[in-house]
PDB file of N, CA and C in Angstrom:
ATOM      1  N   MET A   1       3.635   3.091 -19.272  1.00  0.00           N
ATOM      2  CA  MET A   1       3.484   2.635 -17.910  1.00  0.00           C
ATOM      3  C   MET A   1       4.641   3.174 -17.075  1.00  0.00           C
ATOM      4  N   VAL A   2       4.423   3.199 -15.783  1.00  0.00           N
ATOM      5  CA  VAL A   2       5.433   3.683 -14.849  1.00  0.00           C
ATOM      6  C   VAL A   2       5.875   2.522 -13.972  1.00  0.00           C
ATOM      7  N   ASN A   3       7.179   2.275 -13.939  1.00  0.00           N
ATOM      8  CA  ASN A   3       7.740   1.218 -13.115  1.00  0.00           C
ATOM      9  C   ASN A   3       8.134   1.812 -11.767  1.00  0.00           C
ATOM     10  N   ALA A   4       7.592   1.246 -10.689  1.00  0.00           N
ATOM     11  CA  ALA A   4       7.906   1.683  -9.331  1.00  0.00           C
ATOM     12  C   ALA A   4       8.622   0.549  -8.613  1.00  0.00           C
ATOM     13  N   THR A   5       9.726   0.870  -7.946  1.00  0.00           N
ATOM     14  CA  THR A   5      10.457  -0.125  -7.164  1.00  0.00           C
ATOM     15  C   THR A   5      10.651   0.398  -5.749  1.00  0.00           C
ATOM     16  N   GLY A   6      10.730  -0.526  -4.807  1.00  0.00           N
ATOM     17  CA  GLY A   6      10.930  -0.138  -3.416  1.00  0.00           C
ATOM     18  C   GLY A   6      10.639  -1.289  -2.477  1.00  0.00           C
ATOM     19  N   PHE A   7      10.249  -0.958  -1.245  1.00  0.00           N
ATOM     20  CA  PHE A   7       9.944  -1.945  -0.220  1.00  0.00           C
ATOM     21  C   PHE A   7       8.548  -1.697   0.337  1.00  0.00           C
ATOM     22  N   VAL A   8       7.847  -2.777   0.650  1.00  0.00           N
ATOM     23  CA  VAL A   8       6.537  -2.696   1.287  1.00  0.00           C
ATOM     24  C   VAL A   8       6.569  -3.601   2.521  1.00  0.00           C
ATOM     25  N   THR A   9       5.996  -3.127   3.615  1.00  0.00           N
ATOM     26  CA  THR A   9       5.937  -3.893   4.857  1.00  0.00           C
ATOM     27  C   THR A   9       4.478  -4.110   5.207  1.00  0.00           C
ATOM     28  N   PHE A  10       4.116  -5.364   5.485  1.00  0.00           N
ATOM     29  CA  PHE A  10       2.725  -5.665   5.854  1.00  0.00           C
ATOM     30  C   PHE A  10       2.699  -6.649   7.006  1.00  0.00           C
ATOM     31  N   LEU A  11       1.540  -6.741   7.631  1.00  0.00           N
ATOM     32  CA  LEU A  11       1.315  -7.597   8.791  1.00  0.00           C
ATOM     33  C   LEU A  11       0.518  -8.812   8.353  1.00  0.00           C
ATOM     34  N   THR A  12       0.960 -10.002   8.775  1.00  0.00           N
ATOM     35  CA  THR A  12       0.242 -11.231   8.448  1.00  0.00           C
ATOM     36  C   THR A  12       0.302 -12.189   9.634  1.00  0.00           C
ATOM     37  N   TYR A  13      -0.674 -13.083   9.695  1.00  0.00           N
ATOM     38  CA  TYR A  13      -0.715 -14.063  10.778  1.00  0.00           C
ATOM     39  C   TYR A  13      -0.215 -15.432  10.319  1.00  0.00           C
ATOM     40  N   ASN A  14      -0.224 -15.674   9.030  1.00  0.00           N
ATOM     41  CA  ASN A  14       0.279 -16.929   8.457  1.00  0.00           C
ATOM     42  C   ASN A  14       1.454 -16.595   7.558  1.00  0.00           C
ATOM     43  N   LEU A  15       2.638 -17.005   7.952  1.00  0.00           N
ATOM     44  CA  LEU A  15       3.843 -16.677   7.196  1.00  0.00           C
ATOM     45  C   LEU A  15       4.215 -17.814   6.258  1.00  0.00           C
ATOM     46  N   ASP A  16       4.418 -17.475   5.009  1.00  0.00           N
ATOM     47  CA  ASP A  16       4.975 -18.399   4.034  1.00  0.00           C
ATOM     48  C   ASP A  16       6.356 -17.853   3.664  1.00  0.00           C
ATOM     49  N   PRO A  17       7.445 -18.484   4.154  1.00  0.00           N
ATOM     50  CA  PRO A  17       8.787 -17.946   3.899  1.00  0.00           C
ATOM     51  C   PRO A  17       9.152 -17.892   2.419  1.00  0.00           C
ATOM     52  N   LYS A  18       8.424 -18.627   1.575  1.00  0.00           N
ATOM     53  CA  LYS A  18       8.682 -18.612   0.137  1.00  0.00           C
ATOM     54  C   LYS A  18       7.677 -17.744  -0.602  1.00  0.00           C
ATOM     55  N   PHE A  19       7.097 -16.751   0.087  1.00  0.00           N
ATOM     56  CA  PHE A  19       6.108 -15.852  -0.515  1.00  0.00           C
ATOM     57  C   PHE A  19       6.726 -15.154  -1.719  1.00  0.00           C
ATOM     58  N   TYR A  20       6.036 -15.243  -2.852  1.00  0.00           N
ATOM     59  CA  TYR A  20       6.570 -14.707  -4.095  1.00  0.00           C
ATOM     60  C   TYR A  20       5.400 -14.488  -5.054  1.00  0.00           C
ATOM     61  N   ILE A  21       5.310 -13.315  -5.630  1.00  0.00           N
ATOM     62  CA  ILE A  21       4.265 -13.018  -6.618  1.00  0.00           C
ATOM     63  C   ILE A  21       4.950 -12.517  -7.880  1.00  0.00           C
ATOM     64  N   ASN A  22       4.598 -13.118  -8.994  1.00  0.00           N
ATOM     65  CA  ASN A  22       5.072 -12.652 -10.294  1.00  0.00           C
ATOM     66  C   ASN A  22       3.870 -12.732 -11.235  1.00  0.00           C
ATOM     67  N   ARG A  23       3.073 -11.661 -11.262  1.00  0.00           N
ATOM     68  CA  ARG A  23       1.842 -11.653 -12.043  1.00  0.00           C
ATOM     69  C   ARG A  23       1.765 -10.362 -12.849  1.00  0.00           C
ATOM     70  N   ASP A  24       1.511 -10.471 -14.126  1.00  0.00           N
ATOM     71  CA  ASP A  24       1.402  -9.318 -15.022  1.00  0.00           C
ATOM     72  C   ASP A  24       2.632  -8.416 -14.935  1.00  0.00           C
ATOM     73  N   HIS A  25       3.809  -9.028 -14.861  1.00  0.00           N
ATOM     74  CA  HIS A  25       5.100  -8.324 -14.782  1.00  0.00           C
ATOM     75  C   HIS A  25       5.269  -7.559 -13.468  1.00  0.00           C
ATOM     76  N   ASN A  26       4.409  -7.799 -12.496  1.00  0.00           N
ATOM     77  CA  ASN A  26       4.550  -7.195 -11.169  1.00  0.00           C
ATOM     78  C   ASN A  26       5.209  -8.234 -10.271  1.00  0.00           C
ATOM     79  N   LEU A  27       6.338  -7.868  -9.691  1.00  0.00           N
ATOM     80  CA  LEU A  27       7.144  -8.809  -8.921  1.00  0.00           C
ATOM     81  C   LEU A  27       7.219  -8.353  -7.468  1.00  0.00           C
ATOM     82  N   ILE A  28       6.903  -9.278  -6.557  1.00  0.00           N
ATOM     83  CA  ILE A  28       7.005  -9.008  -5.118  1.00  0.00           C
ATOM     84  C   ILE A  28       7.611 -10.243  -4.464  1.00  0.00           C
ATOM     85  N   LYS A  29       8.722 -10.057  -3.716  1.00  0.00           N
ATOM     86  CA  LYS A  29       9.321 -11.189  -3.018  1.00  0.00           C
ATOM     87  C   LYS A  29       9.844 -10.750  -1.652  1.00  0.00           C
ATOM     88  N   ILE A  30       9.881 -11.705  -0.717  1.00  0.00           N
ATOM     89  CA  ILE A  30      10.261 -11.423   0.672  1.00  0.00           C
ATOM     90  C   ILE A  30      11.720 -11.002   0.768  1.00  0.00           C
ATOM     91  N   SER A  31      11.932  -9.946   1.520  1.00  0.00           N
ATOM     92  CA  SER A  31      13.274  -9.487   1.828  1.00  0.00           C
ATOM     93  C   SER A  31      13.656  -9.906   3.250  1.00  0.00           C
ATOM     94  N   SER A  32      12.715  -9.684   4.199  1.00  0.00           N
ATOM     95  CA  SER A  32      12.944 -10.089   5.585  1.00  0.00           C
ATOM     96  C   SER A  32      11.605 -10.165   6.317  1.00  0.00           C
ATOM     97  N   TYR A  33      11.609 -10.778   7.503  1.00  0.00           N
ATOM     98  CA  TYR A  33      10.412 -10.824   8.346  1.00  0.00           C
ATOM     99  C   TYR A  33      10.840 -10.935   9.799  1.00  0.00           C
ATOM    100  N   LYS A  34       9.923 -10.513  10.681  1.00  0.00           N
ATOM    101  CA  LYS A  34      10.197 -10.636  12.119  1.00  0.00           C
ATOM    102  C   LYS A  34       8.901 -10.931  12.856  1.00  0.00           C
ATOM    103  N   ASP A  35       9.058 -11.549  14.010  1.00  0.00           N
ATOM    104  CA  ASP A  35       7.927 -11.934  14.850  1.00  0.00           C
ATOM    105  C   ASP A  35       7.506 -10.733  15.695  1.00  0.00           C
ATOM    106  N   VAL A  36       6.216 -10.364  15.655  1.00  0.00           N
ATOM    107  CA  VAL A  36       5.694  -9.238  16.436  1.00  0.00           C
ATOM    108  C   VAL A  36       4.358  -9.649  17.045  1.00  0.00           C
ATOM    109  N   THR A  37       3.811  -8.793  17.893  1.00  0.00           N
ATOM    110  CA  THR A  37       2.457  -9.002  18.409  1.00  0.00           C
ATOM    111  C   THR A  37       1.590  -7.834  17.972  1.00  0.00           C
ATOM    112  N   ASP A  38       0.320  -8.124  17.671  1.00  0.00           N
ATOM    113  CA  ASP A  38      -0.582  -7.054  17.254  1.00  0.00           C
ATOM    114  C   ASP A  38      -1.172  -6.366  18.478  1.00  0.00           C
ATOM    115  N   LEU A  39      -2.103  -5.458  18.262  1.00  0.00           N
ATOM    116  CA  LEU A  39      -2.668  -4.674  19.364  1.00  0.00           C
ATOM    117  C   LEU A  39      -3.472  -5.507  20.350  1.00  0.00           C
ATOM    118  N   GLU A  40      -4.009  -6.648  19.901  1.00  0.00           N
ATOM    119  CA  GLU A  40      -4.775  -7.529  20.800  1.00  0.00           C
ATOM    120  C   GLU A  40      -3.893  -8.555  21.492  1.00  0.00           C
ATOM    121  N   GLY A  41      -2.589  -8.564  21.234  1.00  0.00           N
ATOM    122  CA  GLY A  41      -1.669  -9.496  21.868  1.00  0.00           C
ATOM    123  C   GLY A  41      -1.478 -10.788  21.099  1.00  0.00           C
ATOM    124  N   ASN A  42      -2.017 -10.891  19.895  1.00  0.00           N
ATOM    125  CA  ASN A  42      -1.845 -12.098  19.086  1.00  0.00           C
ATOM    126  C   ASN A  42      -0.489 -12.082  18.402  1.00  0.00           C
ATOM    127  N   SER A  43       0.052 -13.274  18.200  1.00  0.00           N
ATOM    128  CA  SER A  43       1.329 -13.401  17.511  1.00  0.00           C
ATOM    129  C   SER A  43       1.131 -13.163  16.012  1.00  0.00           C
ATOM    130  N   ALA A  44       2.012 -12.360  15.423  1.00  0.00           N
ATOM    131  CA  ALA A  44       1.919 -12.029  13.997  1.00  0.00           C
ATOM    132  C   ALA A  44       3.323 -11.885  13.429  1.00  0.00           C
ATOM    133  N   PHE A  45       3.387 -11.681  12.131  1.00  0.00           N
ATOM    134  CA  PHE A  45       4.662 -11.483  11.444  1.00  0.00           C
ATOM    135  C   PHE A  45       4.618 -10.178  10.677  1.00  0.00           C
ATOM    136  N   GLU A  46       5.684  -9.398  10.800  1.00  0.00           N
ATOM    137  CA  GLU A  46       5.853  -8.189  10.003  1.00  0.00           C
ATOM    138  C   GLU A  46       6.796  -8.543   8.856  1.00  0.00           C
ATOM    139  N   VAL A  47       6.255  -8.573   7.643  1.00  0.00           N
ATOM    140  CA  VAL A  47       6.990  -9.041   6.470  1.00  0.00           C
ATOM    141  C   VAL A  47       7.380  -7.835   5.627  1.00  0.00           C
ATOM    142  N   THR A  48       8.655  -7.747   5.259  1.00  0.00           N
ATOM    143  CA  THR A  48       9.146  -6.699   4.371  1.00  0.00           C
ATOM    144  C   THR A  48       9.491  -7.342   3.036  1.00  0.00           C
ATOM    145  N   CYS A  49       8.896  -6.815   1.977  1.00  0.00           N
ATOM    146  CA  CYS A  49       9.102  -7.360   0.632  1.00  0.00           C
ATOM    147  C   CYS A  49       9.648  -6.289  -0.292  1.00  0.00           C
ATOM    148  N   LYS A  50      10.448  -6.743  -1.232  1.00  0.00           N
ATOM    149  CA  LYS A  50      10.936  -5.870  -2.293  1.00  0.00           C
ATOM    150  C   LYS A  50       9.939  -5.993  -3.443  1.00  0.00           C
ATOM    151  N   TYR A  51       9.590  -4.862  -4.071  1.00  0.00           N
ATOM    152  CA  TYR A  51       8.619  -4.918  -5.159  1.00  0.00           C
ATOM    153  C   TYR A  51       9.116  -4.150  -6.376  1.00  0.00           C
ATOM    154  N   SER A  52       8.607  -4.571  -7.514  1.00  0.00           N
ATOM    155  CA  SER A  52       8.786  -3.879  -8.784  1.00  0.00           C
ATOM    156  C   SER A  52       7.455  -4.022  -9.515  1.00  0.00           C
ATOM    157  N   VAL A  53       6.694  -2.941  -9.581  1.00  0.00           N
ATOM    158  CA  VAL A  53       5.352  -2.990 -10.160  1.00  0.00           C
ATOM    159  C   VAL A  53       5.222  -1.982 -11.296  1.00  0.00           C
ATOM    160  N   TYR A  54       4.304  -2.260 -12.194  1.00  0.00           N
ATOM    161  CA  TYR A  54       4.014  -1.369 -13.321  1.00  0.00           C
ATOM    162  C   TYR A  54       2.661  -0.715 -13.086  1.00  0.00           C
ATOM    163  N   LEU A  55       2.679   0.595 -12.923  1.00  0.00           N
ATOM    164  CA  LEU A  55       1.453   1.363 -12.712  1.00  0.00           C
ATOM    165  C   LEU A  55       0.945   1.886 -14.053  1.00  0.00           C
ATOM    166  N   PRO A  56      -0.362   1.865 -14.271  1.00  0.00           N
ATOM    167  CA  PRO A  56      -0.882   2.442 -15.512  1.00  0.00           C
ATOM    168  C   PRO A  56      -0.714   3.957 -15.513  1.00  0.00           C
ATOM    169  N   VAL A  57      -0.560   4.519 -16.699  1.00  0.00           N
ATOM    170  CA  VAL A  57      -0.426   5.976 -16.827  1.00  0.00           C
ATOM    171  C   VAL A  57      -1.751   6.607 -16.432  1.00  0.00           C
ATOM    172  N   HIS A  58      -1.693   7.663 -15.631  1.00  0.00           N
ATOM    173  CA  HIS A  58      -2.900   8.336 -15.142  1.00  0.00           C
ATOM    174  C   HIS A  58      -2.898   9.783 -15.592  1.00  0.00           C
ATOM    175  N   TYR A  59      -4.050  10.272 -16.002  1.00  0.00           N
ATOM    176  CA  TYR A  59      -4.139  11.629 -16.555  1.00  0.00           C
ATOM    177  C   TYR A  59      -3.834  12.718 -15.529  1.00  0.00           C
ATOM    178  N   GLU A  60      -4.031  12.437 -14.231  1.00  0.00           N
ATOM    179  CA  GLU A  60      -3.769  13.441 -13.193  1.00  0.00           C
ATOM    180  C   GLU A  60      -2.276  13.652 -12.942  1.00  0.00           C
ATOM    181  N   CYS A  61      -1.470  12.677 -13.272  1.00  0.00           N
ATOM    182  CA  CYS A  61      -0.043  12.720 -12.958  1.00  0.00           C
ATOM    183  C   CYS A  61       0.718  13.404 -14.087  1.00  0.00           C
ATOM    184  N   ARG A  62       1.328  14.526 -13.772  1.00  0.00           N
ATOM    185  CA  ARG A  62       2.069  15.283 -14.781  1.00  0.00           C
ATOM    186  C   ARG A  62       3.560  15.004 -14.748  1.00  0.00           C
ATOM    187  N   SER A  63       4.059  14.503 -13.625  1.00  0.00           N
ATOM    188  CA  SER A  63       5.478  14.148 -13.522  1.00  0.00           C
ATOM    189  C   SER A  63       5.584  12.822 -12.776  1.00  0.00           C
ATOM    190  N   LEU A  64       6.777  12.263 -12.757  1.00  0.00           N
ATOM    191  CA  LEU A  64       6.975  10.983 -12.073  1.00  0.00           C
ATOM    192  C   LEU A  64       6.693  11.065 -10.579  1.00  0.00           C
ATOM    193  N   GLU A  65       7.007  12.193  -9.969  1.00  0.00           N
ATOM    194  CA  GLU A  65       6.787  12.342  -8.529  1.00  0.00           C
ATOM    195  C   GLU A  65       5.308  12.242  -8.162  1.00  0.00           C
ATOM    196  N   ASP A  66       4.417  12.560  -9.105  1.00  0.00           N
ATOM    197  CA  ASP A  66       2.983  12.464  -8.843  1.00  0.00           C
ATOM    198  C   ASP A  66       2.525  11.020  -8.677  1.00  0.00           C
ATOM    199  N   TYR A  67       3.291  10.063  -9.197  1.00  0.00           N
ATOM    200  CA  TYR A  67       2.921   8.648  -9.096  1.00  0.00           C
ATOM    201  C   TYR A  67       3.236   8.059  -7.724  1.00  0.00           C
ATOM    202  N   THR A  68       3.949   8.778  -6.885  1.00  0.00           N
ATOM    203  CA  THR A  68       4.267   8.276  -5.543  1.00  0.00           C
ATOM    204  C   THR A  68       3.002   7.955  -4.765  1.00  0.00           C
ATOM    205  N   GLY A  69       1.985   8.787  -4.892  1.00  0.00           N
ATOM    206  CA  GLY A  69       0.715   8.557  -4.202  1.00  0.00           C
ATOM    207  C   GLY A  69      -0.129   7.455  -4.801  1.00  0.00           C
ATOM    208  N   LYS A  70       0.224   6.958  -5.972  1.00  0.00           N
ATOM    209  CA  LYS A  70      -0.520   5.879  -6.626  1.00  0.00           C
ATOM    210  C   LYS A  70       0.019   4.496  -6.261  1.00  0.00           C
ATOM    211  N   VAL A  71       1.212   4.431  -5.681  1.00  0.00           N
ATOM    212  CA  VAL A  71       1.839   3.149  -5.366  1.00  0.00           C
ATOM    213  C   VAL A  71       1.098   2.434  -4.237  1.00  0.00           C
ATOM    214  N   TYR A  72       0.796   3.121  -3.153  1.00  0.00           N
ATOM    215  CA  TYR A  72       0.129   2.490  -2.005  1.00  0.00           C
ATOM    216  C   TYR A  72      -1.230   1.898  -2.386  1.00  0.00           C
ATOM    217  N   PRO A  73      -2.140   2.640  -3.055  1.00  0.00           N
ATOM    218  CA  PRO A  73      -3.421   2.017  -3.429  1.00  0.00           C
ATOM    219  C   PRO A  73      -3.252   0.821  -4.367  1.00  0.00           C
ATOM    220  N   PHE A  74      -2.260   0.882  -5.257  1.00  0.00           N
ATOM    221  CA  PHE A  74      -2.008  -0.246  -6.156  1.00  0.00           C
ATOM    222  C   PHE A  74      -1.578  -1.474  -5.358  1.00  0.00           C
ATOM    223  N   LEU A  75      -0.678  -1.296  -4.387  1.00  0.00           N
ATOM    224  CA  LEU A  75      -0.203  -2.429  -3.590  1.00  0.00           C
ATOM    225  C   LEU A  75      -1.303  -2.982  -2.688  1.00  0.00           C
ATOM    226  N   VAL A  76      -2.160  -2.123  -2.155  1.00  0.00           N
ATOM    227  CA  VAL A  76      -3.284  -2.593  -1.329  1.00  0.00           C
ATOM    228  C   VAL A  76      -4.198  -3.476  -2.165  1.00  0.00           C
ATOM    229  N   HIS A  77      -4.506  -3.049  -3.380  1.00  0.00           N
ATOM    230  CA  HIS A  77      -5.372  -3.832  -4.261  1.00  0.00           C
ATOM    231  C   HIS A  77      -4.675  -5.121  -4.710  1.00  0.00           C
ATOM    232  N   PHE A  78      -3.379  -5.041  -4.961  1.00  0.00           N
ATOM    233  CA  PHE A  78      -2.622  -6.181  -5.469  1.00  0.00           C
ATOM    234  C   PHE A  78      -2.356  -7.226  -4.382  1.00  0.00           C
ATOM    235  N   LEU A  79      -1.954  -6.797  -3.185  1.00  0.00           N
ATOM    236  CA  LEU A  79      -1.596  -7.717  -2.102  1.00  0.00           C
ATOM    237  C   LEU A  79      -2.782  -8.157  -1.257  1.00  0.00           C
ATOM    238  N   LYS A  80      -3.743  -7.256  -1.047  1.00  0.00           N
ATOM    239  CA  LYS A  80      -4.891  -7.515  -0.169  1.00  0.00           C
ATOM    240  C   LYS A  80      -4.427  -7.898   1.242  1.00  0.00           C
ATOM    241  N   LYS A  81      -3.463  -7.148   1.771  1.00  0.00           N
ATOM    242  CA  LYS A  81      -2.903  -7.368   3.107  1.00  0.00           C
ATOM    243  C   LYS A  81      -2.986  -6.077   3.905  1.00  0.00           C
ATOM    244  N   ASN A  82      -2.671  -6.161   5.202  1.00  0.00           N
ATOM    245  CA  ASN A  82      -2.609  -4.990   6.075  1.00  0.00           C
ATOM    246  C   ASN A  82      -1.249  -4.328   5.910  1.00  0.00           C
ATOM    247  N   ILE A  83      -1.156  -3.365   4.995  1.00  0.00           N
ATOM    248  CA  ILE A  83       0.122  -2.723   4.718  1.00  0.00           C
ATOM    249  C   ILE A  83       0.436  -1.713   5.814  1.00  0.00           C
ATOM    250  N   VAL A  84       1.638  -1.830   6.369  1.00  0.00           N
ATOM    251  CA  VAL A  84       2.096  -0.954   7.438  1.00  0.00           C
ATOM    252  C   VAL A  84       2.874   0.231   6.869  1.00  0.00           C
ATOM    253  N   ARG A  85       3.751  -0.061   5.885  1.00  0.00           N
ATOM    254  CA  ARG A  85       4.634   0.980   5.365  1.00  0.00           C
ATOM    255  C   ARG A  85       5.007   0.676   3.915  1.00  0.00           C
ATOM    256  N   THR A  86       5.109   1.726   3.111  1.00  0.00           N
ATOM    257  CA  THR A  86       5.634   1.578   1.749  1.00  0.00           C
ATOM    258  C   THR A  86       6.781   2.562   1.564  1.00  0.00           C
ATOM    259  N   GLU A  87       7.800   2.115   0.877  1.00  0.00           N
ATOM    260  CA  GLU A  87       8.936   2.964   0.525  1.00  0.00           C
ATOM    261  C   GLU A  87       9.082   2.910  -0.987  1.00  0.00           C
ATOM    262  N   VAL A  88       9.036   4.059  -1.627  1.00  0.00           N
ATOM    263  CA  VAL A  88       9.227   4.130  -3.073  1.00  0.00           C
ATOM    264  C   VAL A  88      10.654   4.604  -3.317  1.00  0.00           C
ATOM    265  N   HIS A  89      11.453   3.754  -3.931  1.00  0.00           N
ATOM    266  CA  HIS A  89      12.861   4.089  -4.159  1.00  0.00           C
ATOM    267  C   HIS A  89      13.110   4.660  -5.547  1.00  0.00           C
ATOM    268  N   ASN A  90      12.345   4.184  -6.538  1.00  0.00           N
ATOM    269  CA  ASN A  90      12.609   4.605  -7.904  1.00  0.00           C
ATOM    270  C   ASN A  90      11.323   4.590  -8.723  1.00  0.00           C
ATOM    271  N   LEU A  91      11.143   5.598  -9.554  1.00  0.00           N
ATOM    272  CA  LEU A  91      10.032   5.677 -10.500  1.00  0.00           C
ATOM    273  C   LEU A  91      10.603   5.985 -11.879  1.00  0.00           C
ATOM    274  N   THR A  92      10.228   5.194 -12.876  1.00  0.00           N
ATOM    275  CA  THR A  92      10.699   5.427 -14.244  1.00  0.00           C
ATOM    276  C   THR A  92       9.587   5.093 -15.232  1.00  0.00           C
ATOM    277  N   TYR A  93       9.612   5.779 -16.364  1.00  0.00           N
ATOM    278  CA  TYR A  93       8.702   5.436 -17.452  1.00  0.00           C
ATOM    279  C   TYR A  93       9.290   4.238 -18.186  1.00  0.00           C
ATOM    280  N   LYS A  94       8.519   3.151 -18.289  1.00  0.00           N
ATOM    281  CA  LYS A  94       8.980   1.938 -18.953  1.00  0.00           C
ATOM    282  C   LYS A  94       7.791   1.205 -19.547  1.00  0.00           C
ATOM    283  N   LEU A  95       8.079   0.422 -20.557  1.00  0.00           N
ATOM    284  CA  LEU A  95       7.105  -0.524 -21.067  1.00  0.00           C
ATOM    285  C   LEU A  95       7.408  -1.874 -20.437  1.00  0.00           C
ATOM    286  N   PRO A  96       6.383  -2.639 -20.073  1.00  0.00           N
ATOM    287  CA  PRO A  96       6.663  -3.953 -19.493  1.00  0.00           C
ATOM    288  C   PRO A  96       7.300  -4.866 -20.536  1.00  0.00           C
ATOM    289  N   PRO A  97       8.123  -5.821 -20.097  1.00  0.00           N
ATOM    290  CA  PRO A  97       8.758  -6.728 -21.058  1.00  0.00           C
ATOM    291  C   PRO A  97       7.716  -7.623 -21.724  1.00  0.00           C
ATOM    292  N   LEU A  98       8.037  -8.075 -22.911  1.00  0.00           N
ATOM    293  CA  LEU A  98       7.139  -8.974 -23.623  1.00  0.00           C
ATOM    294  C   LEU A  98       7.108 -10.324 -22.934  1.00  0.00           C
ATOM    295  N   ARG A  99       5.945 -10.952 -22.990  1.00  0.00           N
ATOM    296  CA  ARG A  99       5.843 -12.292 -22.427  1.00  0.00           C
ATOM    297  C   ARG A  99       6.532 -13.270 -23.361  1.00  0.00           C
ATOM    298  N   LYS A 100       6.940 -14.393 -22.828  1.00  0.00           N
ATOM    299  CA  LYS A 100       7.644 -15.381 -23.636  1.00  0.00           C
ATOM    300  C   LYS A 100       6.772 -15.897 -24.775  1.00  0.00           C
ATOM    301  N   SER A 101       5.480 -15.997 -24.553  1.00  0.00           N
ATOM    302  CA  SER A 101       4.602 -16.531 -25.587  1.00  0.00           C
ATOM    303  C   SER A 101       4.507 -15.588 -26.788  1.00  0.00           C
ATOM    304  N   TYR A 102       4.809 -14.295 -26.583  1.00  0.00           N
ATOM    305  CA  TYR A 102       4.741 -13.343 -27.680  1.00  0.00           C
ATOM    306  C   TYR A 102       6.037 -13.291 -28.493  1.00  0.00           C
ATOM    307  N   ARG A 103       7.096 -13.827 -27.936  1.00  0.00           N
ATOM    308  CA  ARG A 103       8.369 -13.784 -28.636  1.00  0.00           C
ATOM    309  C   ARG A 103       8.336 -14.729 -29.830  1.00  0.00           C
ATOM    310  N   ARG A 104       8.982 -14.312 -30.841  1.00  0.00           N
ATOM    311  CA  ARG A 104       9.027 -15.114 -32.052  1.00  0.00           C
ATOM    312  C   ARG A 104      10.035 -16.246 -31.880  1.00  0.00           C
ATOM    313  N   LYS A 105       9.605 -17.447 -32.189  1.00  0.00           N
ATOM    314  CA  LYS A 105      10.477 -18.613 -32.050  1.00  0.00           C
ATOM    315  C   LYS A 105      11.362 -18.724 -33.277  1.00  0.00           C
ATOM    316  N   ARG A 106      12.587 -19.099 -33.019  1.00  0.00           N
ATOM    317  CA  ARG A 106      13.521 -19.312 -34.125  1.00  0.00           C
ATOM    318  C   ARG A 106      13.270 -20.680 -34.718  1.00  0.00           C
ATOM    319  N   THR A 107      13.327 -20.747 -35.998  1.00  0.00           N
ATOM    320  CA  THR A 107      13.171 -22.040 -36.669  1.00  0.00           C
ATOM    321  C   THR A 107      14.505 -22.418 -37.306  1.00  0.00           C
ATOM    322  N   ARG A 108      14.761 -23.681 -37.292  1.00  0.00           N
ATOM    323  CA  ARG A 108      16.007 -24.179 -37.874  1.00  0.00           C
ATOM    324  C   ARG A 108      15.822 -24.341 -39.373  1.00  0.00           C
ATOM    325  N   LYS A 109      16.851 -23.976 -40.066  1.00  0.00           N
ATOM    326  CA  LYS A 109      16.821 -24.170 -41.511  1.00  0.00           C
ATOM    327  C   LYS A 109      17.179 -25.625 -41.821  1.00  0.00           C
ATOM    328  N   LYS A 110      16.409 -26.224 -42.677  1.00  0.00           N
ATOM    329  CA  LYS A 110      16.687 -27.610 -43.077  1.00  0.00           C
ATOM    330  C   LYS A 110      17.742 -27.594 -44.164  1.00  0.00           C
ATOM    331  N   SER A 111      18.756 -28.446 -44.018  1.00  0.00           N
ATOM    332  CA  SER A 111      19.798 -28.482 -45.031  1.00  0.00           C
ATOM    333  C   SER A 111      19.696 -29.691 -45.917  1.00  0.00           C
TER     334      SER A 111
END
């Protein structure tokens, strides 16, 4: 898998200041927001979030730079919001961390 990190900016009409997504090792949390108006004059919020997502390996991508074009469609599908801007800061090949339920529990030795 390819880990992509950066910032995404989207437009929303209902702001939740504690907006946070942590699903399938994909993490998105609010960095900042500001009050704006849309093209029809309605009040809206432009929210900037920091993200760290895991993209599946794709046969068309031969180098890490090829995954830059895969980040925006992944975020559109994941967020389902009106994305204004995406910034990709880092791309690396990584395996997602194991879930806690998969970790082996330590047992105490009885004395």
